[in-house]
């Protein structure tokens, strides 16, 4: 069905999945138009999503096309989707569900959110890389200006939807859903998605230094700068925990470096809450995981604290892979037996001692919350003559009490299984 006019309508939301749609429609009469989720080998269809009279749930009507090119959701045909919508809104003519049990009267068109961008809002300028499902481009976000009045430079992930299944697309949108609520100098900034047509765009802050592990390998940063980087990462992770999110994949490869700041990125494994039980069949980054996750699949914010300690070691060692010379299965076995890496002799004993004693205990309950790690790192960096910058955004007030309150519940809910998580190099 070719109906380009609908693409410019403010109530058209494109490829947005049902999970996002459900957050936008609240009261009877609320409606929007979107496209269907992908089904391999089948063309996308336009969908009218709306809440019916006396309802809180959302109804989804497929907008069909007749042989004479008329579009319809009920009996009456129209030349365009815009005509269809205008008719049902202006005439207050009800649309009935297939079973005739629900009457829907279109009243309030729900417009695109601030983070729902249009493809024409973005200018792609330079291809930075390519992956299995799309490309990464450097670009300009034309509607957002920097301090000099110029369009903000951004990184744009483009997704080739024909190469992806329904679940993979949902994962991209789930990550975008999490990121749009985050705003911190040490967390990569999310600007929005352009989902009106294909390819799908995910638009984020451009970090001029690239991935942190690559930046560490390319440049010979002085030790004090590395301490500052570790402090910055701690601030970003503490902020994420304040939002009651567990990152679950803290590592130098999943951070960016730009404007002299480390920025936590890659939220593909992030989950809300303060406890998560992993499917032990899924591949995971063993070299960054604590014993309780390797053995039981348990994630808490203290899992991130352990991984943060590993990332601190990575930063000190210029992006080197943790547990050098050891194979993944050997790492899993030794970590569960109590083995921990040593820092090199150039590292201040107070710093190395703190990481080993506080971030790497075998019991997750003995690890601090990230707020406390931030406090230590701030004082330590200052003592070393480093720069901690302005006060970190976000103050964690309730999380510490909540974690302690739930500690006994978590211990009792841990599975007694000793199965080992599948390794991911």
Protein backbone atom coordinates (compact mmCIF):
# COMPACT_ATOMS: atom_id res chain seq x y z
CA UNK A 1 0.00 0.00 0.00
CA UNK A 2 1.54 3.30 -1.10
CA UNK A 3 0.31 6.24 0.96
CA UNK A 4 3.20 8.67 1.37
CA UNK A 5 0.95 11.42 2.70
CA UNK A 6 0.50 9.61 6.00
CA UNK A 7 4.25 9.75 6.71
CA UNK A 8 4.13 13.49 7.43
CA UNK A 9 1.16 13.31 9.79
CA UNK A 10 2.07 13.98 13.44
CA UNK A 11 0.00 10.98 14.60
CA UNK A 12 1.99 8.57 12.38
CA UNK A 13 4.57 6.66 14.46
CA UNK A 14 6.04 4.32 11.86
CA UNK A 15 7.88 1.20 13.00
CA UNK A 16 7.35 1.73 16.72
CA UNK A 17 6.57 -1.61 18.45
CA UNK A 18 3.50 -2.32 20.57
CA UNK A 19 5.43 -1.86 23.83
CA UNK A 20 5.96 1.83 23.04
CA UNK A 21 2.46 2.28 21.67
CA UNK A 22 0.94 1.01 24.92
CA UNK A 23 2.79 3.74 26.84
CA UNK A 24 1.31 6.47 24.61
CA UNK A 25 -2.40 5.59 24.54
CA UNK A 26 -4.12 6.22 27.87
CA UNK A 27 -7.82 7.06 27.59
CA UNK A 28 -10.81 6.11 25.39
CA UNK A 29 -10.58 7.82 22.01
CA UNK A 30 -6.78 8.07 21.98
CA UNK A 31 -5.40 6.82 18.66
CA UNK A 32 -2.38 6.76 16.35
CA UNK A 33 -1.27 5.13 13.11
CA UNK A 34 1.79 2.90 12.83
CA UNK A 35 3.13 0.09 10.66
CA UNK A 36 2.93 -3.59 11.52
CA UNK A 37 5.78 -5.52 13.04
CA UNK A 38 7.90 -7.42 10.49
CA UNK A 39 6.89 -10.85 9.26
CA UNK A 40 9.41 -12.45 6.92
CA UNK A 41 8.21 -12.54 3.33
CA UNK A 42 5.21 -10.29 3.96
CA UNK A 43 4.84 -6.55 3.27
CA UNK A 44 4.26 -4.21 6.19
CA UNK A 45 0.74 -2.98 6.80
CA UNK A 46 -0.58 0.24 8.29
CA UNK A 47 -2.24 -0.23 11.68
CA UNK A 48 -4.73 2.02 13.46
CA UNK A 49 -4.22 1.61 17.23
CA UNK A 50 -6.88 3.06 19.53
CA UNK A 51 -8.62 2.70 22.89
CA UNK A 52 -12.34 1.94 22.77
CA UNK A 53 -15.23 3.24 24.84
CA UNK A 54 -15.05 2.14 28.47
CA UNK A 55 -11.68 0.48 27.84
CA UNK A 56 -8.12 0.81 29.03
CA UNK A 57 -6.69 -1.79 26.63
CA UNK A 58 -5.58 -0.96 23.08
CA UNK A 59 -7.25 -2.28 19.93
CA UNK A 60 -5.31 -2.68 16.69
CA UNK A 61 -7.09 -2.40 13.32
CA UNK A 62 -5.32 -3.37 10.10
CA UNK A 63 -5.90 -0.72 7.42
CA UNK A 64 -6.65 -2.79 4.33
CA UNK A 65 -6.72 -1.92 0.64
CA UNK A 66 -9.52 -3.04 -1.70
CA UNK A 67 -9.16 -4.05 -5.34
CA UNK A 68 -10.16 -0.54 -6.42
CA UNK A 69 -7.37 0.93 -4.24
CA UNK A 70 -9.65 2.17 -1.49
CA UNK A 71 -8.44 1.89 2.13
CA UNK A 72 -10.73 0.74 4.92
CA UNK A 73 -10.92 -0.57 8.49
CA UNK A 74 -14.66 -1.25 8.46
CA UNK A 75 -17.08 -1.21 5.53
CA UNK A 76 -16.51 2.31 4.20
CA UNK A 77 -13.62 2.91 1.76
CA UNK A 78 -11.45 6.03 1.41
CA UNK A 79 -8.85 7.28 -1.07
CA UNK A 80 -6.16 7.79 1.59
CA UNK A 81 -5.46 6.96 5.22
CA UNK A 82 -5.64 10.67 6.05
CA UNK A 83 -9.18 10.81 4.64
CA UNK A 84 -10.09 7.71 6.62
CA UNK A 85 -8.83 9.20 9.90
CA UNK A 86 -10.40 12.61 9.26
CA UNK A 87 -13.78 11.01 8.56
CA UNK A 88 -13.91 8.89 11.71
CA UNK A 89 -12.72 11.81 13.88
CA UNK A 90 -15.04 14.46 12.43
CA UNK A 91 -18.13 12.27 12.09
CA UNK A 92 -17.58 10.44 15.39
CA UNK A 93 -18.55 7.29 13.53
CA UNK A 94 -17.65 4.23 15.63
CA UNK A 95 -15.38 1.43 14.48
CA UNK A 96 -16.21 -1.99 15.87
CA UNK A 97 -13.84 -4.84 16.63
CA UNK A 98 -14.32 -8.11 14.74
CA UNK A 99 -16.42 -9.61 17.51
CA UNK A 100 -18.54 -6.41 17.62
CA UNK A 101 -17.99 -6.22 21.39
CA UNK A 102 -15.88 -3.06 21.45
CA UNK A 103 -16.85 0.30 19.96
CA UNK A 104 -13.99 2.67 19.15
CA UNK A 105 -14.59 6.38 18.51
CA UNK A 106 -11.49 8.29 17.43
CA UNK A 107 -11.10 11.51 19.45
CA UNK A 108 -7.53 12.38 20.37
CA UNK A 109 -4.66 11.94 17.91
CA UNK A 110 -1.51 11.08 19.87
CA UNK A 111 1.40 12.84 18.23
CA UNK A 112 5.00 11.74 17.97
CA UNK A 113 7.12 12.22 21.08
CA UNK A 114 10.17 14.48 21.18
CA UNK A 115 12.46 11.47 20.73
CA UNK A 116 10.59 10.26 17.62
CA UNK A 117 12.62 11.95 14.92
CA UNK A 118 12.13 12.11 11.16
CA UNK A 119 14.74 10.84 8.71
CA UNK A 120 15.00 14.35 7.25
CA UNK A 121 16.06 15.62 10.70
CA UNK A 122 19.35 13.74 10.26
CA UNK A 123 22.10 14.28 7.70
CA UNK A 124 24.49 11.33 7.31
CA UNK A 125 28.01 12.56 6.57
CA UNK A 126 30.52 9.71 7.00
CA UNK A 127 30.25 5.95 7.32
CA UNK A 128 32.05 4.77 10.45
CA UNK A 129 31.44 1.03 10.32
CA UNK A 130 29.19 -1.83 9.33
CA UNK A 131 27.65 -4.73 11.22
CA UNK A 132 25.43 -7.72 10.56
CA UNK A 133 22.22 -5.71 10.72
CA UNK A 134 23.23 -2.27 9.51
CA UNK A 135 25.76 0.54 9.48
CA UNK A 136 27.06 3.21 11.85
CA UNK A 137 27.36 6.73 10.47
CA UNK A 138 28.63 10.06 11.64
CA UNK A 139 25.95 12.66 11.06
CA UNK A 140 24.31 15.94 12.00
CA UNK A 141 21.08 16.37 13.94
CA UNK A 142 19.76 19.40 12.09
CA UNK A 143 17.14 20.54 14.62
CA UNK A 144 19.48 20.50 17.64
CA UNK A 145 22.23 23.13 17.83
CA UNK A 146 25.49 23.12 19.77
CA UNK A 147 26.99 26.05 21.70
CA UNK A 148 28.18 27.59 18.42
CA UNK A 149 24.77 27.39 16.79
CA UNK A 150 25.79 24.49 14.56
CA UNK A 151 23.88 21.19 14.19
CA UNK A 152 24.93 18.69 16.86
CA UNK A 153 27.21 15.92 15.61
CA UNK A 154 25.75 12.48 16.25
CA UNK A 155 26.37 8.78 15.73
CA UNK A 156 23.59 7.08 13.78
CA UNK A 157 22.98 3.34 13.85
CA UNK A 158 21.01 2.30 10.79
CA UNK A 159 19.16 -1.02 10.96
CA UNK A 160 18.36 -3.06 7.86
CA UNK A 161 15.09 -4.55 9.01
CA UNK A 162 14.95 -7.16 6.25
CA UNK A 163 18.09 -8.69 7.81
CA UNK A 164 16.54 -8.81 11.29
CA UNK A 165 13.82 -10.82 12.94
CA UNK A 166 11.03 -9.46 15.12
CA UNK A 167 12.86 -10.09 18.39
CA UNK A 168 16.06 -8.37 17.22
CA UNK A 169 14.11 -5.27 16.24
CA UNK A 170 12.35 -5.34 19.61
CA UNK A 171 15.74 -5.48 21.36
CA UNK A 172 16.91 -2.36 19.53
CA UNK A 173 13.76 -0.51 20.49
CA UNK A 174 13.90 -1.80 24.08
CA UNK A 175 17.43 -0.42 24.41
CA UNK A 176 16.27 2.91 22.98
CA UNK A 177 13.36 2.91 25.46
CA UNK A 178 15.78 2.57 28.37
CA UNK A 179 18.26 5.14 27.09
CA UNK A 180 15.78 7.93 26.50
CA UNK A 181 15.29 8.32 30.27
CA UNK A 182 19.01 8.79 30.97
CA UNK A 183 20.77 12.16 31.10
CA UNK A 184 24.29 12.24 32.55
CA UNK A 185 27.66 13.41 31.26
CA UNK A 186 29.11 9.94 31.85
CA UNK A 187 26.32 8.08 30.04
CA UNK A 188 26.13 8.27 26.25
CA UNK A 189 23.29 10.62 25.29
CA UNK A 190 20.33 9.26 23.35
CA UNK A 191 18.67 11.73 20.96
CA UNK A 192 15.97 9.53 19.47
CA UNK A 193 14.87 7.12 16.80
CA UNK A 194 13.71 7.79 13.26
CA UNK A 195 11.15 5.05 12.67
CA UNK A 196 8.86 6.54 10.02
CA UNK A 197 10.37 4.48 7.22
CA UNK A 198 13.21 2.02 6.73
CA UNK A 199 16.04 1.88 7.53
CA UNK A 200 15.46 2.46 11.23
CA UNK A 201 17.77 5.14 12.68
CA UNK A 202 18.95 5.17 16.30
CA UNK A 203 20.58 8.55 16.97
CA UNK A 204 23.08 9.01 19.79
CA UNK A 205 25.84 11.28 20.99
CA UNK A 206 29.03 11.14 18.95
CA UNK A 207 32.09 10.46 21.12
CA UNK A 208 35.16 11.71 19.26
CA UNK A 209 37.50 9.26 20.99
CA UNK A 210 35.50 6.18 19.99
CA UNK A 211 35.34 3.01 22.07
CA UNK A 212 37.20 3.28 25.37
CA UNK A 213 39.22 0.09 24.90
CA UNK A 214 40.46 1.34 21.51
CA UNK A 215 41.28 4.79 22.92
CA UNK A 216 43.30 3.18 25.71
CA UNK A 217 45.22 1.03 23.24
CA UNK A 218 46.02 3.97 20.94
CA UNK A 219 47.02 6.59 23.51
CA UNK A 220 49.46 6.42 26.37
CA UNK A 221 47.39 8.06 29.10
CA UNK A 222 49.21 9.03 32.31
CA UNK A 223 48.18 7.19 35.46
CA UNK A 224 46.34 10.18 36.94
CA UNK A 225 44.22 10.41 33.79
CA UNK A 226 43.36 6.72 34.12
CA UNK A 227 42.23 7.30 37.70
CA UNK A 228 40.03 10.15 36.44
CA UNK A 229 38.56 7.85 33.77
CA UNK A 230 37.73 5.25 36.40
CA UNK A 231 36.06 7.92 38.54
CA UNK A 232 34.01 9.11 35.55
CA UNK A 233 32.87 5.56 34.78
CA UNK A 234 31.89 5.14 38.44
CA UNK A 235 29.74 8.29 38.27
CA UNK A 236 27.98 7.05 35.14
CA UNK A 237 27.31 3.61 36.59
CA UNK A 238 26.08 5.06 39.90
CA UNK A 239 23.62 7.21 37.95
CA UNK A 240 22.35 4.15 36.06
CA UNK A 241 21.85 2.32 39.35
CA UNK A 242 20.02 5.36 40.71
CA UNK A 243 17.52 4.81 37.90
CA UNK A 244 17.14 1.24 39.19
CA UNK A 245 18.76 -0.28 36.13
CA UNK A 246 21.40 -3.01 36.02
CA UNK A 247 23.77 -2.57 33.07
CA UNK A 248 24.91 -6.23 33.07
CA UNK A 249 27.72 -5.70 30.53
CA UNK A 250 30.14 -3.23 32.11
CA UNK A 251 33.43 -3.35 30.20
CA UNK A 252 35.81 -0.95 28.47
CA UNK A 253 34.53 -2.10 25.07
CA UNK A 254 31.05 -0.93 26.09
CA UNK A 255 32.13 2.58 27.02
CA UNK A 256 32.89 5.53 24.77
CA UNK A 257 35.42 8.31 25.24
CA UNK A 258 34.66 11.83 24.13
CA UNK A 259 35.36 15.36 25.29
CA UNK A 260 37.71 13.99 27.94
CA UNK A 261 34.90 11.97 29.52
CA UNK A 262 34.20 8.24 29.79
CA UNK A 263 30.61 7.48 28.82
CA UNK A 264 28.80 4.25 29.69
CA UNK A 265 27.17 2.85 26.53
CA UNK A 266 25.71 -0.32 25.01
CA UNK A 267 22.54 -1.03 26.97
CA UNK A 268 21.61 -4.19 25.08
CA UNK A 269 21.71 -6.38 28.21
CA UNK A 270 20.41 -3.76 30.65
CA UNK A 271 17.41 -4.73 32.77
CA UNK A 272 15.25 -2.74 35.21
CA UNK A 273 15.13 -3.61 38.89
CA UNK A 274 17.65 -4.78 41.47
CA UNK A 275 17.65 -8.49 40.71
CA UNK A 276 17.61 -10.54 37.51
CA UNK A 277 17.94 -14.26 36.90
CA UNK A 278 19.75 -15.10 33.69
CA UNK A 279 19.04 -17.96 31.34
CA UNK A 280 22.17 -20.06 31.85
CA UNK A 281 22.09 -21.17 28.21
CA UNK A 282 22.82 -17.66 26.94
CA UNK A 283 26.37 -16.59 26.17
CA UNK A 284 27.80 -14.08 28.62
CA UNK A 285 31.11 -12.18 29.07
CA UNK A 286 32.68 -14.54 31.63
CA UNK A 287 35.85 -12.45 32.12
CA UNK A 288 33.81 -9.65 33.71
CA UNK A 289 31.48 -11.74 35.86
CA UNK A 290 31.48 -12.53 39.61
CA UNK A 291 31.01 -16.03 41.07
CA UNK A 292 27.25 -15.74 41.74
CA UNK A 293 26.55 -14.93 38.10
CA UNK A 294 28.82 -17.62 36.68
CA UNK A 295 27.37 -20.27 38.98
CA UNK A 296 23.76 -19.22 39.51
CA UNK A 297 22.94 -16.70 36.78
CA UNK A 298 22.14 -14.08 39.44
CA UNK A 299 22.47 -10.38 38.62
CA UNK A 300 22.21 -7.51 41.10
CA UNK A 301 23.71 -4.00 41.01
CA UNK A 302 26.68 -5.59 42.82
CA UNK A 303 27.30 -7.68 39.69
CA UNK A 304 28.02 -4.37 37.95
CA UNK A 305 30.28 -3.37 40.86
CA UNK A 306 32.40 -6.50 40.32
CA UNK A 307 32.52 -5.84 36.56
CA UNK A 308 33.44 -2.21 37.27
CA UNK A 309 36.49 -3.47 39.14
CA UNK A 310 37.47 -5.55 36.10
CA UNK A 311 37.00 -2.50 33.87
CA UNK A 312 39.18 -0.46 36.22
CA UNK A 313 41.91 -3.08 35.66
CA UNK A 314 41.35 -2.76 31.88
CA UNK A 315 41.81 1.01 32.06
CA UNK A 316 45.00 0.69 34.09
CA UNK A 317 46.31 -1.90 31.61
CA UNK A 318 45.57 0.17 28.47
CA UNK A 319 42.57 -1.87 27.38
CA UNK A 320 44.22 -5.28 27.73
CA UNK A 321 41.88 -8.28 27.97
CA UNK A 322 41.32 -9.35 31.60
CA UNK A 323 42.99 -12.52 32.89
CA UNK A 324 45.73 -12.49 30.23
CA UNK A 325 46.96 -15.90 29.16
CA UNK A 326 43.92 -17.70 30.59
CA UNK A 327 41.14 -19.37 28.60
CA UNK A 328 37.53 -18.51 29.35
CA UNK A 329 36.64 -21.76 31.11
CA UNK A 330 39.78 -21.48 33.22
CA UNK A 331 38.73 -17.96 34.21
CA UNK A 332 35.26 -19.18 35.24
CA UNK A 333 36.70 -21.97 37.39
CA UNK A 334 39.40 -19.86 39.07
CA UNK A 335 37.14 -16.87 39.81
CA UNK A 336 34.69 -19.19 41.57
CA UNK A 337 37.62 -20.64 43.52
CA UNK A 338 38.66 -17.18 44.72
CA UNK A 339 41.33 -16.12 42.23
CA UNK A 340 41.57 -12.38 41.52
CA UNK A 341 43.91 -10.44 39.25
CA UNK A 342 46.72 -8.25 40.55
CA UNK A 343 47.37 -4.67 39.51
CA UNK A 344 50.80 -3.66 38.26
CA UNK A 345 53.30 -2.08 40.64
CA UNK A 346 52.75 1.43 39.24
CA UNK A 347 49.26 1.47 40.72
CA UNK A 348 48.78 3.17 44.08
CA UNK A 349 48.26 0.59 46.83
CA UNK A 350 45.22 2.42 48.21
CA UNK A 351 43.44 2.14 44.86
CA UNK A 352 44.34 -1.48 44.11
CA UNK A 353 43.49 -2.47 47.67
CA UNK A 354 40.07 -0.83 47.45
CA UNK A 355 39.15 -2.59 44.20
CA UNK A 356 40.31 -6.01 45.39
CA UNK A 357 38.76 -5.77 48.85
CA UNK A 358 35.52 -3.98 47.97
CA UNK A 359 34.63 -4.68 44.33
CA UNK A 360 35.81 -8.29 44.13
CA UNK A 361 34.56 -10.15 47.25
CA UNK A 362 33.09 -13.57 46.44
CA UNK A 363 29.83 -12.62 48.16
CA UNK A 364 27.85 -9.92 46.37
CA UNK A 365 26.49 -8.72 49.72
CA UNK A 366 29.99 -7.62 50.76
CA UNK A 367 30.39 -5.31 47.77
CA UNK A 368 29.46 -1.63 48.12
CA UNK A 369 26.84 0.21 46.11
CA UNK A 370 28.28 2.39 43.32
CA UNK A 371 27.49 5.55 45.30
CA UNK A 372 30.15 4.48 47.80
CA UNK A 373 32.63 3.65 45.03
CA UNK A 374 32.11 7.17 43.64
CA UNK A 375 32.85 8.66 47.08
CA UNK A 376 36.08 6.71 47.39
CA UNK A 377 37.23 7.49 43.83
CA UNK A 378 36.48 11.19 44.20
CA UNK A 379 38.59 11.54 47.32
CA UNK A 380 41.33 9.33 45.91
CA UNK A 381 41.57 11.29 42.63
CA UNK A 382 41.71 14.56 44.56
CA UNK A 383 44.49 13.21 46.78
CA UNK A 384 46.46 12.28 43.67
CA UNK A 385 46.06 15.81 42.28
CA UNK A 386 43.54 14.82 39.63
CA UNK A 387 40.42 16.58 38.35
CA UNK A 388 36.99 15.32 39.40
CA UNK A 389 35.12 18.06 37.53
CA UNK A 390 31.69 19.31 38.67
CA UNK A 391 29.57 17.41 41.14
CA UNK A 392 28.14 14.24 39.55
CA UNK A 393 24.53 14.47 38.38
CA UNK A 394 21.99 12.50 40.35
CA UNK A 395 22.08 11.74 44.05
CA UNK A 396 21.31 8.22 45.20
CA UNK A 397 19.13 8.52 48.28
CA UNK A 398 17.02 5.38 48.47
CA UNK A 399 18.90 2.74 46.54
CA UNK A 400 21.33 1.82 49.29
CA UNK A 401 18.55 1.16 51.82
CA UNK A 402 16.57 -0.76 49.22
CA UNK A 403 19.52 -3.00 48.39
CA UNK A 404 20.17 -3.77 52.04
CA UNK A 405 16.48 -4.32 52.73
CA UNK A 406 16.24 -6.87 49.94
CA UNK A 407 19.52 -8.66 50.60
CA UNK A 408 17.97 -11.46 52.67
CA UNK A 409 15.19 -11.96 50.13
CA UNK A 410 17.73 -12.28 47.34
CA UNK A 411 19.83 -14.78 49.22
CA UNK A 412 16.82 -17.01 49.82
CA UNK A 413 15.67 -16.71 46.20
CA UNK A 414 18.99 -17.79 44.70
CA UNK A 415 18.77 -21.07 42.87
CA UNK A 416 20.87 -23.86 44.40
CA UNK A 417 21.96 -24.93 40.91
CA UNK A 418 25.69 -25.04 40.25
CA UNK A 419 25.38 -24.99 36.46
CA UNK A 420 27.92 -22.72 34.81
CA UNK A 421 26.91 -19.96 32.41
CA UNK A 422 27.87 -20.42 28.77
CA UNK A 423 31.10 -18.61 28.03
CA UNK A 424 31.42 -15.66 25.70
CA UNK A 425 35.00 -14.70 24.89
